[in-house]
C-alpha atoms as a PDB file:
ATOM      1  CA  UNK A   1      24.889 -11.764  33.540  1.00  0.00           C
ATOM      2  CA  UNK A   2      24.006 -15.190  34.863  1.00  0.00           C
ATOM      3  CA  UNK A   3      23.339 -15.899  38.533  1.00  0.00           C
ATOM      4  CA  UNK A   4      25.525 -18.555  40.161  1.00  0.00           C
ATOM      5  CA  UNK A   5      24.067 -21.426  42.185  1.00  0.00           C
ATOM      6  CA  UNK A   6      25.309 -19.810  45.411  1.00  0.00           C
ATOM      7  CA  UNK A   7      23.690 -16.482  44.505  1.00  0.00           C
ATOM      8  CA  UNK A   8      20.409 -18.217  43.610  1.00  0.00           C
ATOM      9  CA  UNK A   9      20.412 -20.076  46.948  1.00  0.00           C
ATOM     10  CA  UNK A  10      21.034 -16.769  48.728  1.00  0.00           C
ATOM     11  CA  UNK A  11      18.148 -15.142  46.861  1.00  0.00           C
ATOM     12  CA  UNK A  12      15.824 -18.023  47.759  1.00  0.00           C
ATOM     13  CA  UNK A  13      16.806 -17.745  51.426  1.00  0.00           C
ATOM     14  CA  UNK A  14      16.372 -13.966  51.460  1.00  0.00           C
ATOM     15  CA  UNK A  15      12.882 -14.138  49.969  1.00  0.00           C
ATOM     16  CA  UNK A  16      11.826 -17.106  52.108  1.00  0.00           C
ATOM     17  CA  UNK A  17      13.030 -15.397  55.298  1.00  0.00           C
ATOM     18  CA  UNK A  18      11.174 -12.228  54.270  1.00  0.00           C
ATOM     19  CA  UNK A  19       7.967 -14.203  53.729  1.00  0.00           C
ATOM     20  CA  UNK A  20       8.430 -16.211  56.948  1.00  0.00           C
ATOM     21  CA  UNK A  21       8.356 -12.923  58.871  1.00  0.00           C
ATOM     22  CA  UNK A  22       4.732 -12.617  57.760  1.00  0.00           C
ATOM     23  CA  UNK A  23       5.499  -9.967  55.161  1.00  0.00           C
ATOM     24  CA  UNK A  24       4.398  -9.835  51.550  1.00  0.00           C
ATOM     25  CA  UNK A  25       6.821  -9.046  48.739  1.00  0.00           C
ATOM     26  CA  UNK A  26       6.566  -7.441  45.304  1.00  0.00           C
ATOM     27  CA  UNK A  27       9.010  -7.195  42.412  1.00  0.00           C
ATOM     28  CA  UNK A  28       9.818  -3.620  43.344  1.00  0.00           C
ATOM     29  CA  UNK A  29      10.546  -4.519  46.980  1.00  0.00           C
ATOM     30  CA  UNK A  30      12.705  -7.481  45.941  1.00  0.00           C
ATOM     31  CA  UNK A  31      14.699  -5.269  43.589  1.00  0.00           C
ATOM     32  CA  UNK A  32      15.364  -2.513  46.117  1.00  0.00           C
ATOM     33  CA  UNK A  33      15.789  -4.608  49.278  1.00  0.00           C
ATOM     34  CA  UNK A  34      17.618  -7.653  47.909  1.00  0.00           C
ATOM     35  CA  UNK A  35      18.771  -6.700  44.399  1.00  0.00           C
ATOM     36  CA  UNK A  36      16.607  -9.502  42.970  1.00  0.00           C
ATOM     37  CA  UNK A  37      15.295  -8.673  39.519  1.00  0.00           C
ATOM     38  CA  UNK A  38      13.551 -11.977  38.728  1.00  0.00           C
ATOM     39  CA  UNK A  39      11.305 -12.489  41.743  1.00  0.00           C
ATOM     40  CA  UNK A  40       8.864 -14.615  39.738  1.00  0.00           C
ATOM     41  CA  UNK A  41      11.612 -17.165  39.139  1.00  0.00           C
ATOM     42  CA  UNK A  42      12.549 -17.232  42.834  1.00  0.00           C
ATOM     43  CA  UNK A  43       8.891 -17.744  43.784  1.00  0.00           C
ATOM     44  CA  UNK A  44       8.544 -20.508  41.168  1.00  0.00           C
ATOM     45  CA  UNK A  45      11.549 -22.369  42.611  1.00  0.00           C
ATOM     46  CA  UNK A  46      10.336 -21.948  46.200  1.00  0.00           C
ATOM     47  CA  UNK A  47       6.969 -23.395  45.205  1.00  0.00           C
ATOM     48  CA  UNK A  48       8.773 -26.246  43.471  1.00  0.00           C
ATOM     49  CA  UNK A  49      10.439 -26.998  46.830  1.00  0.00           C
ATOM     50  CA  UNK A  50       7.010 -27.301  48.464  1.00  0.00           C
ATOM     51  CA  UNK A  51       6.371 -23.822  49.852  1.00  0.00           C
ATOM     52  CA  UNK A  52       2.757 -22.675  49.536  1.00  0.00           C
ATOM     53  CA  UNK A  53       3.016 -19.105  48.261  1.00  0.00           C
ATOM     54  CA  UNK A  54      -0.085 -17.189  47.238  1.00  0.00           C
ATOM     55  CA  UNK A  55      -0.098 -14.620  44.444  1.00  0.00           C
ATOM     56  CA  UNK A  56      -2.502 -11.699  44.567  1.00  0.00           C
ATOM     57  CA  UNK A  57      -2.794  -9.345  41.624  1.00  0.00           C
ATOM     58  CA  UNK A  58      -3.226  -5.810  42.934  1.00  0.00           C
ATOM     59  CA  UNK A  59      -4.173  -2.804  40.841  1.00  0.00           C
ATOM     60  CA  UNK A  60      -1.704   0.056  40.995  1.00  0.00           C
ATOM     61  CA  UNK A  61      -3.458   3.290  41.938  1.00  0.00           C
ATOM     62  CA  UNK A  62      -1.099   5.420  39.838  1.00  0.00           C
ATOM     63  CA  UNK A  63      -1.399   3.806  36.425  1.00  0.00           C
ATOM     64  CA  UNK A  64      -4.153   1.200  36.953  1.00  0.00           C
ATOM     65  CA  UNK A  65      -1.895  -1.680  35.933  1.00  0.00           C
ATOM     66  CA  UNK A  66      -1.741  -4.832  38.049  1.00  0.00           C
ATOM     67  CA  UNK A  67       1.282  -6.218  39.849  1.00  0.00           C
ATOM     68  CA  UNK A  68       1.880  -9.411  41.811  1.00  0.00           C
ATOM     69  CA  UNK A  69       2.066  -9.488  45.603  1.00  0.00           C
ATOM     70  CA  UNK A  70       3.388 -12.738  47.083  1.00  0.00           C
ATOM     71  CA  UNK A  71       2.594 -14.135  50.526  1.00  0.00           C
ATOM     72  CA  UNK A  72       3.640 -17.355  52.263  1.00  0.00           C
ATOM     73  CA  UNK A  73       0.572 -19.385  53.240  1.00  0.00           C
ATOM     74  CA  UNK A  74       2.237 -22.489  54.654  1.00  0.00           C
ATOM     75  CA  UNK A  75       5.333 -24.616  54.301  1.00  0.00           C
END
């Protein structure tokens, strides 16, 4: 299933508003809170629009794999 332009804009706004509140976001949070399954793409497009978003790779304590945590640094 392909995402429409309106849905993509909504996803960008949801993630940007989340980050503007001073919160971080992960793929898992984006999936459960906003039904966004391609957070990396949303972050890529927000960066392309000039938003300074930092990526930290954090090690999962359960299986020792790393996952991305995104945080808005500045706009």
